[in-house]
């Protein structure tokens, strides 16, 4: 089992931690150890696909999805990988963050 990776970066609402959970192929937002949001990923040879983002009903509107996607894209950039956004939220996120355009996988 691969260890989870924790990210103590920018300020977050509540006591939320962003965690890469490679065993479940997703980044998770955890509040007191409970998953309250996640963005799934699927690693391929030339890119990492992002097919789905989910935020619990009680935690919507607090910016968690954006924090998850930003952390995932920062990790993609750091690794030299490319991101293939399949999820509508992730696609929209890229339109609002043109500074990440260089990591988008082009078919």
Protein backbone atom coordinates (compact mmCIF):
# COMPACT_ATOMS: atom_id res chain seq x y z
CA UNK A 1 0.00 0.00 0.00
CA UNK A 2 1.43 3.35 -1.04
CA UNK A 3 1.48 6.04 1.66
CA UNK A 4 -0.84 9.01 1.33
CA UNK A 5 0.84 12.32 0.60
CA UNK A 6 -0.32 15.37 2.57
CA UNK A 7 -0.08 18.96 1.32
CA UNK A 8 0.28 21.75 3.89
CA UNK A 9 0.01 24.58 1.34
CA UNK A 10 -2.40 27.54 0.96
CA UNK A 11 -5.10 28.35 3.54
CA UNK A 12 -8.15 26.11 3.48
CA UNK A 13 -11.66 26.44 4.85
CA UNK A 14 -12.30 24.62 8.12
CA UNK A 15 -9.67 22.05 9.02
CA UNK A 16 -9.38 20.46 5.57
CA UNK A 17 -6.30 18.58 4.42
CA UNK A 18 -5.57 17.81 0.75
CA UNK A 19 -4.23 14.25 0.39
CA UNK A 20 -3.09 12.28 -2.66
CA UNK A 21 -4.47 8.78 -2.17
CA UNK A 22 -2.74 6.70 -4.88
CA UNK A 23 -4.41 3.47 -3.72
CA UNK A 24 -7.78 4.98 -4.71
CA UNK A 25 -6.36 7.02 -7.63
CA UNK A 26 -7.65 10.31 -6.35
CA UNK A 27 -6.84 13.48 -4.47
CA UNK A 28 -9.02 13.84 -1.40
CA UNK A 29 -10.08 16.74 0.78
CA UNK A 30 -10.33 15.34 4.29
CA UNK A 31 -11.91 17.02 7.28
CA UNK A 32 -11.03 15.33 10.56
CA UNK A 33 -10.10 12.17 8.61
CA UNK A 34 -13.37 12.05 6.66
CA UNK A 35 -13.32 12.46 2.86
CA UNK A 36 -15.52 15.44 1.97
CA UNK A 37 -14.40 15.92 -1.65
CA UNK A 38 -12.20 14.23 -4.25
CA UNK A 39 -10.92 14.41 -7.81
CA UNK A 40 -10.23 11.06 -9.47
CA UNK A 41 -7.28 10.41 -11.76
CA UNK A 42 -6.21 7.65 -14.12
CA UNK A 43 -2.51 7.53 -15.00
CA UNK A 44 -1.47 6.59 -18.54
CA UNK A 45 1.90 6.51 -20.25
CA UNK A 46 1.61 9.97 -21.85
CA UNK A 47 -0.88 11.72 -19.56
CA UNK A 48 -3.03 11.57 -16.45
CA UNK A 49 -6.78 11.71 -17.06
CA UNK A 50 -9.12 13.44 -14.62
CA UNK A 51 -12.58 11.88 -15.15
CA UNK A 52 -14.57 12.96 -12.10
CA UNK A 53 -14.77 15.47 -9.25
CA UNK A 54 -17.13 15.14 -6.30
CA UNK A 55 -17.85 17.40 -3.31
CA UNK A 56 -20.20 16.39 -0.50
CA UNK A 57 -23.43 18.39 -0.38
CA UNK A 58 -22.50 19.96 2.97
CA UNK A 59 -19.16 21.20 1.65
CA UNK A 60 -20.14 22.68 -1.72
CA UNK A 61 -19.42 26.31 -2.45
CA UNK A 62 -16.32 26.45 -0.24
CA UNK A 63 -13.68 26.14 -2.97
CA UNK A 64 -12.68 22.55 -2.19
CA UNK A 65 -12.91 21.30 -5.79
CA UNK A 66 -10.65 24.13 -6.95
CA UNK A 67 -8.11 23.39 -4.22
CA UNK A 68 -8.06 19.70 -5.16
CA UNK A 69 -7.60 20.42 -8.86
CA UNK A 70 -4.90 23.02 -8.22
CA UNK A 71 -2.92 20.60 -6.04
CA UNK A 72 -3.28 17.84 -8.64
CA UNK A 73 -2.12 20.18 -11.43
CA UNK A 74 0.81 21.44 -9.37
CA UNK A 75 1.87 17.81 -8.92
CA UNK A 76 1.38 17.10 -12.65
CA UNK A 77 3.56 20.07 -13.51
CA UNK A 78 6.23 19.08 -10.98
CA UNK A 79 6.40 15.54 -12.39
CA UNK A 80 6.59 16.69 -16.02
CA UNK A 81 3.35 14.86 -16.84
CA UNK A 82 0.36 16.19 -18.82
CA UNK A 83 -3.27 16.44 -17.66
CA UNK A 84 -6.18 15.22 -19.76
CA UNK A 85 -9.32 16.88 -18.34
CA UNK A 86 -12.41 14.74 -18.92
CA UNK A 87 -14.48 15.99 -15.99
CA UNK A 88 -16.53 19.11 -16.84
CA UNK A 89 -15.36 20.82 -13.65
CA UNK A 90 -11.68 20.22 -14.43
CA UNK A 91 -12.19 21.43 -18.03
CA UNK A 92 -13.80 24.62 -16.72
CA UNK A 93 -11.04 25.05 -14.14
CA UNK A 94 -8.46 25.17 -16.94
CA UNK A 95 -10.39 27.97 -18.72
CA UNK A 96 -10.11 30.03 -15.52
CA UNK A 97 -6.42 29.23 -15.02
CA UNK A 98 -4.59 29.83 -18.32
CA UNK A 99 -1.27 29.70 -16.45
CA UNK A 100 -1.72 25.91 -16.44
CA UNK A 101 -2.39 25.60 -20.19
CA UNK A 102 1.11 24.20 -20.79
CA UNK A 103 0.28 20.97 -18.93
CA UNK A 104 -2.90 20.12 -20.88
CA UNK A 105 -2.53 16.94 -22.93
CA UNK A 106 -3.41 17.60 -26.58
CA UNK A 107 -4.68 14.67 -28.62
